[in-house]
């Protein structure tokens, strides 16, 4: 049996009622079992979120290293093909695709 320690928590009445309903329905033998499962799911979801964030960060870094650096290098090689931010703003303002702003 794993090492266990007691912990006392205060829960809202609504949460206690839901715990008791799950026990009465036979889903869990005790509040300890339900809360243990709930914490396991919480930790699992947290771990998945951490892995997702790490993956997104890696994807962003890869995008920066490949797409952005490539575009930057191309702009340095062919500055005549580039436009300034003011020119881009003007293109956006004059675009028929841009929604009107009042």
Foldseek 3Di string as FASTA:
>chain_A
DDDDDDDDDDDDPVVVVVLVVCCVVPVDVDSVVVVVVVVVVVVVVVVVVVVVVVVVVVVVVVCCVPVVVVVVVVCVVCVVPDDDPVVVVVCQVPDPPRDDDD
